[in-house]
Amino acid sequence: MKSYLQENGWWFDDSTEAYESALLSLGVDLESDMACFYLHAESGTNFSGRGSIYQLCWFVLNTDYQLNIKSTHEGLGLPVEYIPLDGFDGGGGYFYNRKTGEVVELEVGERLVGFLNGDFYPQWADFNSFIEYFFELK
């Protein structure tokens, strides 16, 4: 993944204190794969792949992302450990579990209901697996 990001000019060796603070404000472990990605990768405000995901640190610092989390939890009934990785445009989106590192893609309707009922599980066991899928690296 790192080589793909470097090839695209999206990898930066140094992280910033502001980005570290942004992730900590979300309860994200700075040693996690997700933190490594967001502390060192940037292509603007979003990344494009299989859809579009936020540059999460930028969104935390420059938007009402915390309000977005609250609205998502209230509107969709998601457990608090899940944070949105995108704007849930078109009735679907990706969510990261801050406790387990899993990522799930949900859509309003059957998939969301199944997830909330425990009949549908995250598709990616860890953030790196998700990001490889997102960028179509495998």
C-alpha atoms as a PDB file:
ATOM      1  CA  MET A   1       0.000   0.000   0.000  1.00  0.00           C
ATOM      2  CA  LYS A   2       2.748   2.454   0.940  1.00  0.00           C
ATOM      3  CA  SER A   3       4.450   2.034  -2.452  1.00  0.00           C
ATOM      4  CA  TYR A   4       1.136   2.701  -4.234  1.00  0.00           C
ATOM      5  CA  LEU A   5       0.654   5.877  -2.210  1.00  0.00           C
ATOM      6  CA  GLN A   6       4.254   6.960  -2.868  1.00  0.00           C
ATOM      7  CA  GLU A   7       3.871   6.342  -6.613  1.00  0.00           C
ATOM      8  CA  ASN A   8       0.859   8.673  -6.608  1.00  0.00           C
ATOM      9  CA  GLY A   9       2.621  11.355  -4.552  1.00  0.00           C
ATOM     10  CA  TRP A  10       0.232  10.805  -1.650  1.00  0.00           C
ATOM     11  CA  TRP A  11       2.684   9.537   1.001  1.00  0.00           C
ATOM     12  CA  PHE A  12       4.440  11.878   3.432  1.00  0.00           C
ATOM     13  CA  ASP A  13       7.047  10.522   5.855  1.00  0.00           C
ATOM     14  CA  ASP A  14       6.305  13.047   8.572  1.00  0.00           C
ATOM     15  CA  SER A  15       3.013  13.401  10.395  1.00  0.00           C
ATOM     16  CA  THR A  16       1.739  16.545  12.034  1.00  0.00           C
ATOM     17  CA  GLU A  17       0.705  17.090  15.618  1.00  0.00           C
ATOM     18  CA  ALA A  18      -2.605  18.516  14.395  1.00  0.00           C
ATOM     19  CA  TYR A  19      -3.419  15.305  12.508  1.00  0.00           C
ATOM     20  CA  GLU A  20      -2.400  13.181  15.498  1.00  0.00           C
ATOM     21  CA  SER A  21      -4.690  15.268  17.724  1.00  0.00           C
ATOM     22  CA  ALA A  22      -7.517  14.920  15.204  1.00  0.00           C
ATOM     23  CA  LEU A  23      -7.325  11.124  15.334  1.00  0.00           C
ATOM     24  CA  LEU A  24      -7.011  11.092  19.108  1.00  0.00           C
ATOM     25  CA  SER A  25     -10.163  13.240  19.339  1.00  0.00           C
ATOM     26  CA  LEU A  26     -11.969  10.406  17.544  1.00  0.00           C
ATOM     27  CA  GLY A  27     -10.599   7.756  19.879  1.00  0.00           C
ATOM     28  CA  VAL A  28      -8.372   6.239  17.186  1.00  0.00           C
ATOM     29  CA  ASP A  29      -5.229   4.460  18.379  1.00  0.00           C
ATOM     30  CA  LEU A  30      -2.217   6.208  16.832  1.00  0.00           C
ATOM     31  CA  GLU A  31      -0.508   2.811  16.484  1.00  0.00           C
ATOM     32  CA  SER A  32      -3.343   1.426  14.328  1.00  0.00           C
ATOM     33  CA  ASP A  33      -3.130   0.776  10.584  1.00  0.00           C
ATOM     34  CA  MET A  34      -5.830   3.371  10.093  1.00  0.00           C
ATOM     35  CA  ALA A  35      -3.834   6.035  11.914  1.00  0.00           C
ATOM     36  CA  CYS A  36      -0.713   5.199   9.909  1.00  0.00           C
ATOM     37  CA  PHE A  37      -2.654   5.732   6.710  1.00  0.00           C
ATOM     38  CA  TYR A  38      -4.296   9.004   7.711  1.00  0.00           C
ATOM     39  CA  LEU A  39      -1.163  10.461   9.314  1.00  0.00           C
ATOM     40  CA  HIS A  40       0.953   9.897   6.215  1.00  0.00           C
ATOM     41  CA  ALA A  41      -1.346   9.819   3.172  1.00  0.00           C
ATOM     42  CA  GLU A  42      -3.009  12.811   1.592  1.00  0.00           C
ATOM     43  CA  SER A  43      -4.399  13.578  -1.854  1.00  0.00           C
ATOM     44  CA  GLY A  44      -6.501  16.580  -0.936  1.00  0.00           C
ATOM     45  CA  THR A  45      -9.686  16.378   1.082  1.00  0.00           C
ATOM     46  CA  ASN A  46     -10.708  12.963  -0.291  1.00  0.00           C
ATOM     47  CA  PHE A  47      -9.230   9.805  -1.743  1.00  0.00           C
ATOM     48  CA  SER A  48     -10.762   8.307  -4.874  1.00  0.00           C
ATOM     49  CA  GLY A  49     -10.925   4.599  -5.475  1.00  0.00           C
ATOM     50  CA  ARG A  50     -14.026   2.479  -5.215  1.00  0.00           C
ATOM     51  CA  GLY A  51     -15.949   5.619  -4.433  1.00  0.00           C
ATOM     52  CA  SER A  52     -14.549   8.399  -2.316  1.00  0.00           C
ATOM     53  CA  ILE A  53     -13.379   8.455   1.301  1.00  0.00           C
ATOM     54  CA  TYR A  54     -12.419  11.402   3.447  1.00  0.00           C
ATOM     55  CA  GLN A  55      -8.914  12.437   4.359  1.00  0.00           C
ATOM     56  CA  LEU A  56     -10.267  11.972   7.839  1.00  0.00           C
ATOM     57  CA  CYS A  57      -7.796  14.212   9.676  1.00  0.00           C
ATOM     58  CA  TRP A  58      -8.514  17.108   7.333  1.00  0.00           C
ATOM     59  CA  PHE A  59     -12.274  16.629   7.847  1.00  0.00           C
ATOM     60  CA  VAL A  60     -11.945  16.562  11.638  1.00  0.00           C
ATOM     61  CA  LEU A  61      -9.954  19.810  11.596  1.00  0.00           C
ATOM     62  CA  ASN A  62     -11.913  21.698   8.926  1.00  0.00           C
ATOM     63  CA  THR A  63     -15.539  20.572   9.089  1.00  0.00           C
ATOM     64  CA  ASP A  64     -18.245  19.598  11.568  1.00  0.00           C
ATOM     65  CA  TYR A  65     -17.126  15.968  11.377  1.00  0.00           C
ATOM     66  CA  GLN A  66     -18.004  15.358  15.053  1.00  0.00           C
ATOM     67  CA  LEU A  67     -21.560  16.454  14.244  1.00  0.00           C
ATOM     68  CA  ASN A  68     -21.495  14.110  11.244  1.00  0.00           C
ATOM     69  CA  ILE A  69     -20.632  11.226  13.580  1.00  0.00           C
ATOM     70  CA  LYS A  70     -23.458  12.144  15.929  1.00  0.00           C
ATOM     71  CA  SER A  71     -25.967  12.460  13.090  1.00  0.00           C
ATOM     72  CA  THR A  72     -24.845   9.142  11.632  1.00  0.00           C
ATOM     73  CA  HIS A  73     -25.219   7.323  14.932  1.00  0.00           C
ATOM     74  CA  GLU A  74     -28.625   8.844  15.623  1.00  0.00           C
ATOM     75  CA  GLY A  75     -29.961   8.560  12.073  1.00  0.00           C
ATOM     76  CA  LEU A  76     -28.753   5.050  11.298  1.00  0.00           C
ATOM     77  CA  GLY A  77     -28.650   3.597  14.793  1.00  0.00           C
ATOM     78  CA  LEU A  78     -25.017   2.547  14.447  1.00  0.00           C
ATOM     79  CA  PRO A  79     -22.971   1.588  17.499  1.00  0.00           C
ATOM     80  CA  VAL A  80     -20.750   4.440  18.742  1.00  0.00           C
ATOM     81  CA  GLU A  81     -17.521   2.652  17.855  1.00  0.00           C
ATOM     82  CA  TYR A  82     -18.275   3.065  14.129  1.00  0.00           C
ATOM     83  CA  ILE A  83     -17.152   6.277  12.455  1.00  0.00           C
ATOM     84  CA  PRO A  84     -17.938   7.244   8.864  1.00  0.00           C
ATOM     85  CA  LEU A  85     -15.133   7.255   6.315  1.00  0.00           C
ATOM     86  CA  ASP A  86     -17.243   9.078   3.758  1.00  0.00           C
ATOM     87  CA  GLY A  87     -20.391  11.151   3.386  1.00  0.00           C
ATOM     88  CA  PHE A  88     -22.777   8.187   3.010  1.00  0.00           C
ATOM     89  CA  ASP A  89     -23.752   9.626  -0.386  1.00  0.00           C
ATOM     90  CA  GLY A  90     -26.378   7.724  -2.301  1.00  0.00           C
ATOM     91  CA  GLY A  91     -27.517   5.845   0.791  1.00  0.00           C
ATOM     92  CA  GLY A  92     -24.298   3.876   1.337  1.00  0.00           C
ATOM     93  CA  GLY A  93     -20.868   4.256   2.831  1.00  0.00           C
ATOM     94  CA  TYR A  94     -17.878   2.871   4.679  1.00  0.00           C
ATOM     95  CA  PHE A  95     -17.536   2.783   8.471  1.00  0.00           C
ATOM     96  CA  TYR A  96     -14.486   2.087  10.626  1.00  0.00           C
ATOM     97  CA  ASN A  97     -14.754   0.363  13.992  1.00  0.00           C
ATOM     98  CA  ARG A  98     -12.485   2.256  16.405  1.00  0.00           C
ATOM     99  CA  LYS A  99     -12.312  -0.726  18.790  1.00  0.00           C
ATOM    100  CA  THR A 100     -11.658  -3.647  16.432  1.00  0.00           C
ATOM    101  CA  GLY A 101     -10.176  -1.995  13.322  1.00  0.00           C
ATOM    102  CA  GLU A 102     -12.822  -3.623  11.115  1.00  0.00           C
ATOM    103  CA  VAL A 103     -14.427  -1.787   8.207  1.00  0.00           C
ATOM    104  CA  VAL A 104     -17.962  -2.315   6.978  1.00  0.00           C
ATOM    105  CA  GLU A 105     -19.733  -1.037   3.886  1.00  0.00           C
ATOM    106  CA  LEU A 106     -23.395  -0.358   4.609  1.00  0.00           C
ATOM    107  CA  GLU A 107     -26.384   0.704   2.573  1.00  0.00           C
ATOM    108  CA  VAL A 108     -29.768   1.888   3.785  1.00  0.00           C
ATOM    109  CA  GLY A 109     -32.160  -1.018   3.664  1.00  0.00           C
ATOM    110  CA  GLU A 110     -31.512  -4.737   4.032  1.00  0.00           C
ATOM    111  CA  ARG A 111     -27.772  -4.476   4.590  1.00  0.00           C
ATOM    112  CA  LEU A 112     -28.108  -1.887   7.370  1.00  0.00           C
ATOM    113  CA  VAL A 113     -30.950  -3.770   9.035  1.00  0.00           C
ATOM    114  CA  GLY A 114     -28.996  -7.018   8.808  1.00  0.00           C
ATOM    115  CA  PHE A 115     -25.956  -5.361  10.325  1.00  0.00           C
ATOM    116  CA  LEU A 116     -27.930  -3.860  13.190  1.00  0.00           C
ATOM    117  CA  ASN A 117     -29.586  -7.247  13.826  1.00  0.00           C
ATOM    118  CA  GLY A 118     -26.226  -9.053  13.837  1.00  0.00           C
ATOM    119  CA  ASP A 119     -26.903 -10.923  10.596  1.00  0.00           C
ATOM    120  CA  PHE A 120     -24.387  -8.987   8.464  1.00  0.00           C
ATOM    121  CA  TYR A 121     -20.746  -8.506   9.448  1.00  0.00           C
ATOM    122  CA  PRO A 122     -17.889  -6.192   8.441  1.00  0.00           C
ATOM    123  CA  GLN A 123     -16.368  -7.195   5.123  1.00  0.00           C
ATOM    124  CA  TRP A 124     -12.807  -6.255   6.109  1.00  0.00           C
ATOM    125  CA  ALA A 125     -11.152  -7.520   9.280  1.00  0.00           C
ATOM    126  CA  ASP A 126      -8.649  -4.659   9.292  1.00  0.00           C
ATOM    127  CA  PHE A 127      -8.108  -1.251   7.752  1.00  0.00           C
ATOM    128  CA  ASN A 128      -5.240  -2.352   5.482  1.00  0.00           C
ATOM    129  CA  SER A 129      -7.447  -5.011   3.848  1.00  0.00           C
ATOM    130  CA  PHE A 130     -10.095  -2.371   3.275  1.00  0.00           C
ATOM    131  CA  ILE A 131      -7.696   0.187   1.796  1.00  0.00           C
ATOM    132  CA  GLU A 132      -6.222  -2.411  -0.568  1.00  0.00           C
ATOM    133  CA  TYR A 133      -9.758  -3.181  -1.743  1.00  0.00           C
ATOM    134  CA  PHE A 134     -10.622   0.525  -1.977  1.00  0.00           C
ATOM    135  CA  PHE A 135      -7.622   1.292  -4.181  1.00  0.00           C
ATOM    136  CA  GLU A 136      -8.097  -2.002  -6.083  1.00  0.00           C
ATOM    137  CA  LEU A 137      -4.607  -3.210  -5.147  1.00  0.00           C
ATOM    138  CA  LYS A 138      -5.665  -6.868  -4.975  1.00  0.00           C
END
